[in-house]
């Protein structure tokens, strides 16, 4: 998943992250997935979509390091 993100294949990364979030919604790494999904949308210029993932991150994992990165 992160390979696509690191290679700047943001559309592919988004699809991979969404699949993982839906399959493993209780996993400890969900905050990271939410953050990277939001960041991928931002890189594609889709700020509104990014905000939805950032909002979910801040509401569900407010004390996570990833939530603290979101403005």
C-alpha atoms as a PDB file:
ATOM      1  CA  UNK A   1       0.000   0.000   0.000  1.00  0.00           C
ATOM      2  CA  UNK A   2       2.580   2.504   1.027  1.00  0.00           C
ATOM      3  CA  UNK A   3       4.629   1.594  -2.045  1.00  0.00           C
ATOM      4  CA  UNK A   4       2.044   3.243  -4.289  1.00  0.00           C
ATOM      5  CA  UNK A   5       1.994   6.292  -2.028  1.00  0.00           C
ATOM      6  CA  UNK A   6       5.789   6.548  -2.014  1.00  0.00           C
ATOM      7  CA  UNK A   7       5.845   6.222  -5.802  1.00  0.00           C
ATOM      8  CA  UNK A   8       3.309   9.069  -5.983  1.00  0.00           C
ATOM      9  CA  UNK A   9       0.685   6.759  -7.482  1.00  0.00           C
ATOM     10  CA  UNK A  10      -1.922   8.431  -5.342  1.00  0.00           C
ATOM     11  CA  UNK A  11      -5.030   7.084  -7.085  1.00  0.00           C
ATOM     12  CA  UNK A  12      -3.765   3.526  -6.629  1.00  0.00           C
ATOM     13  CA  UNK A  13      -2.806   4.264  -3.039  1.00  0.00           C
ATOM     14  CA  UNK A  14      -6.307   5.589  -2.298  1.00  0.00           C
ATOM     15  CA  UNK A  15      -7.942   2.429  -3.625  1.00  0.00           C
ATOM     16  CA  UNK A  16      -5.564   0.237  -1.619  1.00  0.00           C
ATOM     17  CA  UNK A  17      -6.127   2.248   1.558  1.00  0.00           C
ATOM     18  CA  UNK A  18      -9.908   2.196   1.173  1.00  0.00           C
ATOM     19  CA  UNK A  19      -9.880  -1.576   0.731  1.00  0.00           C
ATOM     20  CA  UNK A  20      -7.697  -2.072   3.787  1.00  0.00           C
ATOM     21  CA  UNK A  21      -9.828   0.251   5.905  1.00  0.00           C
ATOM     22  CA  UNK A  22     -12.989  -1.635   4.989  1.00  0.00           C
ATOM     23  CA  UNK A  23     -11.422  -5.063   5.583  1.00  0.00           C
ATOM     24  CA  UNK A  24      -9.438  -4.297   8.709  1.00  0.00           C
ATOM     25  CA  UNK A  25     -11.410  -1.502  10.365  1.00  0.00           C
ATOM     26  CA  UNK A  26     -10.235  -2.442  13.881  1.00  0.00           C
ATOM     27  CA  UNK A  27      -6.521  -2.690  13.055  1.00  0.00           C
ATOM     28  CA  UNK A  28      -4.036  -0.585  14.986  1.00  0.00           C
ATOM     29  CA  UNK A  29      -2.756   1.019  11.791  1.00  0.00           C
ATOM     30  CA  UNK A  30      -6.090   2.554  10.731  1.00  0.00           C
ATOM     31  CA  UNK A  31      -4.991   6.082  11.776  1.00  0.00           C
ATOM     32  CA  UNK A  32      -2.058   5.805   9.382  1.00  0.00           C
ATOM     33  CA  UNK A  33      -4.317   4.590   6.585  1.00  0.00           C
ATOM     34  CA  UNK A  34      -6.780   7.431   7.155  1.00  0.00           C
ATOM     35  CA  UNK A  35      -3.970   9.982   7.195  1.00  0.00           C
ATOM     36  CA  UNK A  36      -2.336   8.667   4.024  1.00  0.00           C
ATOM     37  CA  UNK A  37      -5.677   8.452   2.238  1.00  0.00           C
ATOM     38  CA  UNK A  38      -6.357  12.090   3.076  1.00  0.00           C
ATOM     39  CA  UNK A  39      -2.851  13.089   2.020  1.00  0.00           C
ATOM     40  CA  UNK A  40      -3.245  11.194  -1.270  1.00  0.00           C
ATOM     41  CA  UNK A  41      -6.477  13.033  -2.023  1.00  0.00           C
ATOM     42  CA  UNK A  42      -4.737  16.327  -1.277  1.00  0.00           C
ATOM     43  CA  UNK A  43      -1.913  15.463  -3.672  1.00  0.00           C
ATOM     44  CA  UNK A  44      -4.568  14.908  -6.339  1.00  0.00           C
ATOM     45  CA  UNK A  45      -6.130  18.296  -5.580  1.00  0.00           C
ATOM     46  CA  UNK A  46      -9.237  16.765  -4.012  1.00  0.00           C
ATOM     47  CA  UNK A  47      -9.238  18.711  -0.767  1.00  0.00           C
ATOM     48  CA  UNK A  48     -12.893  18.052   0.018  1.00  0.00           C
ATOM     49  CA  UNK A  49     -12.362  14.291  -0.156  1.00  0.00           C
ATOM     50  CA  UNK A  50      -9.226  14.610   1.963  1.00  0.00           C
ATOM     51  CA  UNK A  51     -11.128  16.492   4.657  1.00  0.00           C
ATOM     52  CA  UNK A  52     -13.542  13.582   5.092  1.00  0.00           C
ATOM     53  CA  UNK A  53     -10.695  11.230   5.949  1.00  0.00           C
ATOM     54  CA  UNK A  54      -9.010  13.773   8.194  1.00  0.00           C
ATOM     55  CA  UNK A  55     -12.294  14.351  10.010  1.00  0.00           C
ATOM     56  CA  UNK A  56     -12.746  10.603  10.588  1.00  0.00           C
ATOM     57  CA  UNK A  57      -9.170  10.432  11.840  1.00  0.00           C
ATOM     58  CA  UNK A  58      -9.593  13.297  14.301  1.00  0.00           C
ATOM     59  CA  UNK A  59     -12.981  12.077  15.553  1.00  0.00           C
ATOM     60  CA  UNK A  60     -12.076   8.402  15.962  1.00  0.00           C
ATOM     61  CA  UNK A  61      -8.390   8.623  16.866  1.00  0.00           C
ATOM     62  CA  UNK A  62      -7.933  12.094  18.381  1.00  0.00           C
ATOM     63  CA  UNK A  63      -4.817  11.234  20.370  1.00  0.00           C
ATOM     64  CA  UNK A  64      -2.991   9.458  17.555  1.00  0.00           C
ATOM     65  CA  UNK A  65       0.200  10.989  16.145  1.00  0.00           C
ATOM     66  CA  UNK A  66      -1.496  11.111  12.743  1.00  0.00           C
ATOM     67  CA  UNK A  67      -4.441  13.152  14.058  1.00  0.00           C
ATOM     68  CA  UNK A  68      -2.005  15.621  15.559  1.00  0.00           C
ATOM     69  CA  UNK A  69      -0.483  16.194  12.093  1.00  0.00           C
ATOM     70  CA  UNK A  70      -3.835  17.325  10.677  1.00  0.00           C
ATOM     71  CA  UNK A  71      -4.552  21.042  10.879  1.00  0.00           C
END
